[in-house]
Amino acid sequence: MKKVLVSLFVVFLVSCSNDDDRLEDSVLNGQWTLTNVSCFCGFPDPPEFNLTQVTFVTASNQIIVSNNGSQVYFREDGTYSYSGSNNQITLEDGSSYDFEISENTLELIFVDEPNIADDEVNYSFVRN
């Protein structure tokens, strides 16, 4: 009886592993074009958001940023490593973004510092 209880306990522990912390980033994979930035900031008129592309390579946890215009709206050109859990990614510099995907639209919401006013930024992308 003792072995049965121990076996059931082990099965219970294994079945209760916390898969909710696993990053479900496969939906991010591919190239996205910036369509809008919502923030307390100014942009040249008219802003050329669509000249910024990001490519998520989820197999290697990398984001490739390409700015084809004169303005930088998201990140400088380059390849950035990321990690994460749930629907949040954290870049190698420590900045974090919640992400939401609806059909072909990606929202990256900067996880702001609660003690700093006006640092909220939302980036909207469309899948290429």
N, C-alpha and C. Protein backbone atom coordinates (compact mmCIF):
# COMPACT_ATOMS: atom_id res chain seq x y z
N MET A 1 0.82 -1.19 0.00
CA MET A 1 0.00 0.00 0.00
C MET A 1 0.87 1.27 0.00
N LYS A 2 1.96 1.22 0.75
CA LYS A 2 2.85 2.36 0.83
C LYS A 2 3.44 2.68 -0.55
N LYS A 3 3.81 1.65 -1.32
CA LYS A 3 4.37 1.85 -2.66
C LYS A 3 3.34 2.48 -3.59
N VAL A 4 2.10 2.07 -3.45
CA VAL A 4 1.03 2.61 -4.29
C VAL A 4 0.86 4.11 -3.98
N LEU A 5 0.85 4.47 -2.71
CA LEU A 5 0.70 5.87 -2.34
C LEU A 5 1.87 6.71 -2.84
N VAL A 6 3.08 6.19 -2.71
CA VAL A 6 4.26 6.90 -3.19
C VAL A 6 4.18 7.06 -4.71
N SER A 7 3.78 6.02 -5.41
CA SER A 7 3.65 6.08 -6.87
C SER A 7 2.61 7.11 -7.29
N LEU A 8 1.47 7.12 -6.58
CA LEU A 8 0.43 8.11 -6.89
C LEU A 8 0.92 9.53 -6.63
N PHE A 9 1.67 9.72 -5.56
CA PHE A 9 2.22 11.03 -5.23
C PHE A 9 3.18 11.51 -6.33
N VAL A 10 4.05 10.61 -6.81
CA VAL A 10 5.00 10.95 -7.87
C VAL A 10 4.25 11.31 -9.15
N VAL A 11 3.23 10.52 -9.50
CA VAL A 11 2.43 10.82 -10.70
C VAL A 11 1.76 12.17 -10.54
N PHE A 12 1.25 12.48 -9.36
CA PHE A 12 0.61 13.76 -9.10
C PHE A 12 1.60 14.91 -9.29
N LEU A 13 2.81 14.78 -8.76
CA LEU A 13 3.82 15.83 -8.91
C LEU A 13 4.19 16.05 -10.36
N VAL A 14 4.36 14.99 -11.10
CA VAL A 14 4.73 15.10 -12.51
C VAL A 14 3.60 15.74 -13.30
N SER A 15 2.38 15.34 -13.02
CA SER A 15 1.25 15.88 -13.78
C SER A 15 0.96 17.32 -13.43
N CYS A 16 1.44 17.79 -12.29
CA CYS A 16 1.21 19.17 -11.87
C CYS A 16 2.37 20.08 -12.19
N SER A 17 3.27 19.64 -13.05
CA SER A 17 4.37 20.53 -13.41
C SER A 17 3.82 21.80 -14.02
N ASN A 18 4.51 22.88 -13.85
CA ASN A 18 4.00 24.18 -14.23
C ASN A 18 4.33 24.50 -15.68
N ASP A 19 3.51 23.97 -16.59
CA ASP A 19 3.68 24.26 -18.01
C ASP A 19 3.24 25.67 -18.35
N ASP A 20 2.51 26.34 -17.44
CA ASP A 20 2.04 27.69 -17.72
C ASP A 20 3.19 28.68 -17.82
N ASP A 21 4.35 28.36 -17.25
CA ASP A 21 5.49 29.25 -17.32
C ASP A 21 6.27 29.12 -18.61
N ARG A 22 5.94 28.12 -19.41
CA ARG A 22 6.66 27.90 -20.66
C ARG A 22 6.26 28.98 -21.66
N LEU A 23 7.21 29.53 -22.37
CA LEU A 23 6.94 30.57 -23.35
C LEU A 23 6.33 29.94 -24.61
N GLU A 24 5.16 30.38 -24.96
CA GLU A 24 4.50 29.91 -26.18
C GLU A 24 4.79 30.91 -27.29
N ASP A 25 6.05 30.93 -27.74
CA ASP A 25 6.47 31.95 -28.69
C ASP A 25 6.44 31.49 -30.13
N SER A 26 6.08 30.25 -30.40
CA SER A 26 6.09 29.77 -31.79
C SER A 26 5.17 30.60 -32.67
N VAL A 27 4.14 31.20 -32.10
CA VAL A 27 3.24 32.05 -32.89
C VAL A 27 3.92 33.34 -33.33
N LEU A 28 5.03 33.70 -32.68
CA LEU A 28 5.77 34.90 -33.07
C LEU A 28 6.64 34.69 -34.30
N ASN A 29 6.97 33.43 -34.59
CA ASN A 29 7.93 33.12 -35.64
C ASN A 29 7.58 33.79 -36.97
N GLY A 30 8.57 34.41 -37.59
CA GLY A 30 8.37 35.04 -38.89
C GLY A 30 8.62 36.53 -38.86
N GLN A 31 8.32 37.17 -39.99
CA GLN A 31 8.60 38.60 -40.15
C GLN A 31 7.34 39.42 -39.92
N TRP A 32 7.53 40.53 -39.23
CA TRP A 32 6.45 41.45 -38.89
C TRP A 32 6.85 42.87 -39.27
N THR A 33 5.88 43.66 -39.73
CA THR A 33 6.11 45.06 -40.09
C THR A 33 5.39 45.96 -39.10
N LEU A 34 6.10 46.95 -38.60
CA LEU A 34 5.53 47.90 -37.66
C LEU A 34 4.47 48.74 -38.36
N THR A 35 3.30 48.88 -37.71
CA THR A 35 2.22 49.68 -38.28
C THR A 35 1.87 50.90 -37.43
N ASN A 36 2.16 50.81 -36.11
CA ASN A 36 1.81 51.94 -35.25
C ASN A 36 2.59 51.84 -33.94
N VAL A 37 2.85 53.00 -33.36
CA VAL A 37 3.45 53.09 -32.04
C VAL A 37 2.56 54.02 -31.23
N SER A 38 2.11 53.55 -30.08
CA SER A 38 1.27 54.34 -29.21
C SER A 38 2.06 54.66 -27.95
N CYS A 39 2.31 55.96 -27.72
CA CYS A 39 3.10 56.37 -26.56
C CYS A 39 2.91 57.86 -26.31
N PHE A 40 3.52 58.33 -25.23
CA PHE A 40 3.57 59.75 -24.93
C PHE A 40 4.86 60.31 -25.51
N CYS A 41 4.94 60.32 -26.85
CA CYS A 41 6.16 60.78 -27.52
C CYS A 41 5.77 61.39 -28.87
N GLY A 42 6.68 62.12 -29.46
CA GLY A 42 6.42 62.75 -30.74
C GLY A 42 7.16 62.07 -31.87
N PHE A 43 6.58 62.13 -33.04
CA PHE A 43 7.18 61.55 -34.24
C PHE A 43 7.16 62.58 -35.36
N PRO A 44 8.09 62.44 -36.32
CA PRO A 44 8.02 63.32 -37.49
C PRO A 44 6.71 63.07 -38.24
N ASP A 45 6.26 64.07 -38.95
CA ASP A 45 4.99 63.94 -39.67
C ASP A 45 5.24 63.75 -41.14
N PRO A 46 4.78 62.73 -41.77
CA PRO A 46 4.13 61.55 -41.19
C PRO A 46 5.17 60.52 -40.78
N PRO A 47 4.90 59.77 -39.71
CA PRO A 47 5.86 58.73 -39.31
C PRO A 47 5.84 57.58 -40.32
N GLU A 48 6.99 57.02 -40.55
CA GLU A 48 7.10 55.90 -41.51
C GLU A 48 7.34 54.60 -40.74
N PHE A 49 6.33 54.21 -39.95
CA PHE A 49 6.44 53.01 -39.15
C PHE A 49 6.71 51.78 -40.00
N ASN A 50 6.10 51.72 -41.18
CA ASN A 50 6.18 50.52 -42.02
C ASN A 50 7.58 50.24 -42.57
N LEU A 51 8.54 51.11 -42.30
CA LEU A 51 9.92 50.86 -42.73
C LEU A 51 10.71 50.07 -41.68
N THR A 52 10.03 49.69 -40.60
CA THR A 52 10.65 48.89 -39.55
C THR A 52 10.08 47.48 -39.58
N GLN A 53 10.96 46.50 -39.69
CA GLN A 53 10.55 45.10 -39.65
C GLN A 53 11.29 44.39 -38.52
N VAL A 54 10.60 43.43 -37.91
CA VAL A 54 11.23 42.54 -36.95
C VAL A 54 10.96 41.11 -37.41
N THR A 55 11.98 40.28 -37.27
CA THR A 55 11.83 38.87 -37.60
C THR A 55 12.14 38.07 -36.35
N PHE A 56 11.17 37.29 -35.91
CA PHE A 56 11.37 36.40 -34.77
C PHE A 56 11.85 35.06 -35.29
N VAL A 57 12.99 34.61 -34.78
CA VAL A 57 13.51 33.28 -35.07
C VAL A 57 13.39 32.52 -33.76
N THR A 58 12.23 31.89 -33.58
CA THR A 58 11.94 31.28 -32.28
C THR A 58 12.80 30.05 -32.01
N ALA A 59 13.31 29.41 -33.04
CA ALA A 59 14.15 28.23 -32.83
C ALA A 59 15.43 28.60 -32.08
N SER A 60 15.91 29.83 -32.25
CA SER A 60 17.14 30.27 -31.57
C SER A 60 16.89 31.43 -30.60
N ASN A 61 15.61 31.75 -30.34
CA ASN A 61 15.23 32.84 -29.43
C ASN A 61 15.93 34.15 -29.80
N GLN A 62 15.76 34.55 -31.06
CA GLN A 62 16.36 35.79 -31.54
C GLN A 62 15.32 36.65 -32.25
N ILE A 63 15.54 37.96 -32.16
CA ILE A 63 14.76 38.94 -32.91
C ILE A 63 15.74 39.70 -33.78
N ILE A 64 15.46 39.77 -35.07
CA ILE A 64 16.28 40.55 -36.00
C ILE A 64 15.49 41.80 -36.34
N VAL A 65 16.08 42.96 -36.07
CA VAL A 65 15.42 44.24 -36.31
C VAL A 65 16.06 44.91 -37.51
N SER A 66 15.21 45.39 -38.42
CA SER A 66 15.69 46.07 -39.61
C SER A 66 14.92 47.38 -39.77
N ASN A 67 15.65 48.49 -39.72
CA ASN A 67 15.07 49.82 -39.92
C ASN A 67 15.50 50.32 -41.29
N ASN A 68 14.55 50.51 -42.18
CA ASN A 68 14.89 50.95 -43.53
C ASN A 68 14.66 52.44 -43.73
N GLY A 69 14.29 53.14 -42.67
CA GLY A 69 14.09 54.58 -42.74
C GLY A 69 15.12 55.30 -41.89
N SER A 70 14.93 56.59 -41.74
CA SER A 70 15.89 57.39 -40.98
C SER A 70 15.56 57.40 -39.48
N GLN A 71 14.37 56.97 -39.11
CA GLN A 71 13.95 56.97 -37.71
C GLN A 71 14.01 55.56 -37.11
N VAL A 72 14.32 55.49 -35.83
CA VAL A 72 14.28 54.22 -35.10
C VAL A 72 13.09 54.29 -34.16
N TYR A 73 12.12 53.40 -34.38
CA TYR A 73 10.91 53.41 -33.57
C TYR A 73 10.91 52.30 -32.51
N PHE A 74 11.52 51.17 -32.82
CA PHE A 74 11.50 50.05 -31.88
C PHE A 74 12.88 49.79 -31.28
N ARG A 75 13.82 49.37 -32.08
CA ARG A 75 15.19 49.08 -31.67
C ARG A 75 16.13 49.43 -32.82
N GLU A 76 17.40 49.63 -32.50
CA GLU A 76 18.42 49.80 -33.54
C GLU A 76 18.52 48.51 -34.35
N ASP A 77 19.01 48.63 -35.60
CA ASP A 77 19.25 47.43 -36.41
C ASP A 77 20.12 46.46 -35.64
N GLY A 78 19.80 45.19 -35.77
CA GLY A 78 20.64 44.19 -35.11
C GLY A 78 19.86 42.94 -34.76
N THR A 79 20.57 42.01 -34.17
CA THR A 79 19.99 40.75 -33.72
C THR A 79 20.06 40.74 -32.20
N TYR A 80 18.92 40.46 -31.58
CA TYR A 80 18.79 40.48 -30.14
C TYR A 80 18.31 39.12 -29.64
N SER A 81 18.91 38.64 -28.59
CA SER A 81 18.45 37.40 -27.95
C SER A 81 17.33 37.74 -26.99
N TYR A 82 16.41 36.78 -26.82
CA TYR A 82 15.35 36.97 -25.85
C TYR A 82 15.07 35.67 -25.11
N SER A 83 14.43 35.83 -23.97
CA SER A 83 13.93 34.71 -23.19
C SER A 83 12.53 35.10 -22.76
N GLY A 84 11.87 34.23 -22.03
CA GLY A 84 10.56 34.61 -21.56
C GLY A 84 9.78 33.49 -20.96
N SER A 85 8.59 33.85 -20.49
CA SER A 85 7.63 32.89 -19.99
C SER A 85 6.24 33.47 -20.23
N ASN A 86 5.28 32.55 -20.26
CA ASN A 86 3.90 32.93 -20.57
C ASN A 86 3.91 33.75 -21.86
N ASN A 87 3.26 34.88 -21.89
CA ASN A 87 3.24 35.72 -23.09
C ASN A 87 4.05 36.98 -22.87
N GLN A 88 5.27 36.79 -22.35
CA GLN A 88 6.17 37.91 -22.13
C GLN A 88 7.57 37.52 -22.58
N ILE A 89 8.20 38.44 -23.32
CA ILE A 89 9.59 38.22 -23.72
C ILE A 89 10.46 39.25 -23.02
N THR A 90 11.68 38.85 -22.73
CA THR A 90 12.66 39.74 -22.11
C THR A 90 13.90 39.73 -22.98
N LEU A 91 14.29 40.92 -23.44
CA LEU A 91 15.46 41.04 -24.29
C LEU A 91 16.72 41.01 -23.43
N GLU A 92 17.85 40.84 -24.11
CA GLU A 92 19.13 40.68 -23.40
C GLU A 92 19.50 41.88 -22.55
N ASP A 93 18.93 43.06 -22.84
CA ASP A 93 19.22 44.24 -22.02
C ASP A 93 18.30 44.36 -20.81
N GLY A 94 17.40 43.38 -20.65
CA GLY A 94 16.50 43.37 -19.50
C GLY A 94 15.14 43.97 -19.74
N SER A 95 14.93 44.62 -20.89
CA SER A 95 13.61 45.19 -21.17
C SER A 95 12.64 44.07 -21.51
N SER A 96 11.41 44.22 -21.02
CA SER A 96 10.40 43.17 -21.22
C SER A 96 9.19 43.71 -21.96
N TYR A 97 8.55 42.82 -22.69
CA TYR A 97 7.36 43.15 -23.46
C TYR A 97 6.34 42.03 -23.30
N ASP A 98 5.10 42.40 -22.98
CA ASP A 98 4.01 41.46 -23.08
C ASP A 98 3.65 41.40 -24.55
N PHE A 99 3.22 40.23 -25.03
CA PHE A 99 2.77 40.18 -26.41
C PHE A 99 1.41 39.54 -26.52
N GLU A 100 0.65 40.07 -27.48
CA GLU A 100 -0.68 39.57 -27.79
C GLU A 100 -0.77 39.43 -29.30
N ILE A 101 -1.31 38.31 -29.75
CA ILE A 101 -1.48 38.09 -31.19
C ILE A 101 -2.95 37.82 -31.46
N SER A 102 -3.47 38.54 -32.43
CA SER A 102 -4.84 38.34 -32.89
C SER A 102 -4.80 38.29 -34.40
N GLU A 103 -5.07 37.11 -34.95
CA GLU A 103 -4.97 36.86 -36.39
C GLU A 103 -3.57 37.21 -36.86
N ASN A 104 -3.42 38.23 -37.70
CA ASN A 104 -2.10 38.61 -38.23
C ASN A 104 -1.54 39.87 -37.58
N THR A 105 -2.03 40.22 -36.40
CA THR A 105 -1.59 41.42 -35.71
C THR A 105 -0.87 41.05 -34.42
N LEU A 106 0.28 41.65 -34.22
CA LEU A 106 1.08 41.44 -33.01
C LEU A 106 1.15 42.76 -32.25
N GLU A 107 0.84 42.70 -30.97
CA GLU A 107 1.01 43.86 -30.09
C GLU A 107 2.13 43.53 -29.12
N LEU A 108 3.15 44.38 -29.08
CA LEU A 108 4.20 44.30 -28.08
C LEU A 108 3.98 45.46 -27.12
N ILE A 109 3.76 45.15 -25.86
CA ILE A 109 3.47 46.16 -24.86
C ILE A 109 4.64 46.21 -23.90
N PHE A 110 5.34 47.34 -23.91
CA PHE A 110 6.50 47.51 -23.04
C PHE A 110 6.06 47.40 -21.59
N VAL A 111 6.75 46.57 -20.83
CA VAL A 111 6.47 46.43 -19.40
C VAL A 111 7.19 47.58 -18.71
N ASP A 112 6.39 48.58 -18.37
CA ASP A 112 6.97 49.83 -17.87
C ASP A 112 7.32 49.75 -16.39
N GLU A 113 8.09 50.71 -15.98
CA GLU A 113 8.47 50.87 -14.58
C GLU A 113 7.34 51.63 -13.90
N PRO A 114 6.66 51.02 -12.93
CA PRO A 114 5.50 51.67 -12.32
C PRO A 114 5.79 53.02 -11.68
N ASN A 115 7.03 53.26 -11.28
CA ASN A 115 7.37 54.53 -10.63
C ASN A 115 7.76 55.63 -11.61
N ILE A 116 7.72 55.33 -12.90
CA ILE A 116 8.05 56.32 -13.92
C ILE A 116 6.79 56.64 -14.71
N ALA A 117 6.43 57.90 -14.75
CA ALA A 117 5.25 58.31 -15.50
C ALA A 117 5.58 58.39 -16.99
N ASP A 118 4.62 58.12 -17.80
CA ASP A 118 4.71 58.31 -19.25
C ASP A 118 5.75 57.44 -19.94
N ASP A 119 6.00 56.23 -19.47
CA ASP A 119 6.91 55.35 -20.20
C ASP A 119 6.17 54.18 -20.85
N GLU A 120 4.85 54.29 -20.96
CA GLU A 120 4.06 53.25 -21.59
C GLU A 120 4.21 53.34 -23.12
N VAL A 121 4.54 52.20 -23.75
CA VAL A 121 4.68 52.16 -25.20
C VAL A 121 4.07 50.86 -25.70
N ASN A 122 3.21 50.97 -26.71
CA ASN A 122 2.65 49.81 -27.39
C ASN A 122 3.08 49.86 -28.85
N TYR A 123 3.59 48.72 -29.32
CA TYR A 123 4.00 48.59 -30.72
C TYR A 123 3.05 47.64 -31.41
N SER A 124 2.51 48.06 -32.56
CA SER A 124 1.63 47.21 -33.34
C SER A 124 2.34 46.79 -34.62
N PHE A 125 2.27 45.50 -34.92
CA PHE A 125 2.89 44.92 -36.10
C PHE A 125 1.88 44.09 -36.86
N VAL A 126 2.10 43.94 -38.15
CA VAL A 126 1.30 43.03 -38.97
C VAL A 126 2.25 42.01 -39.56
N ARG A 127 1.77 40.76 -39.65
CA ARG A 127 2.60 39.68 -40.19
C ARG A 127 2.77 39.87 -41.69
N ASN A 128 3.99 39.67 -42.17
CA ASN A 128 4.26 39.77 -43.61
C ASN A 128 3.88 38.47 -44.30
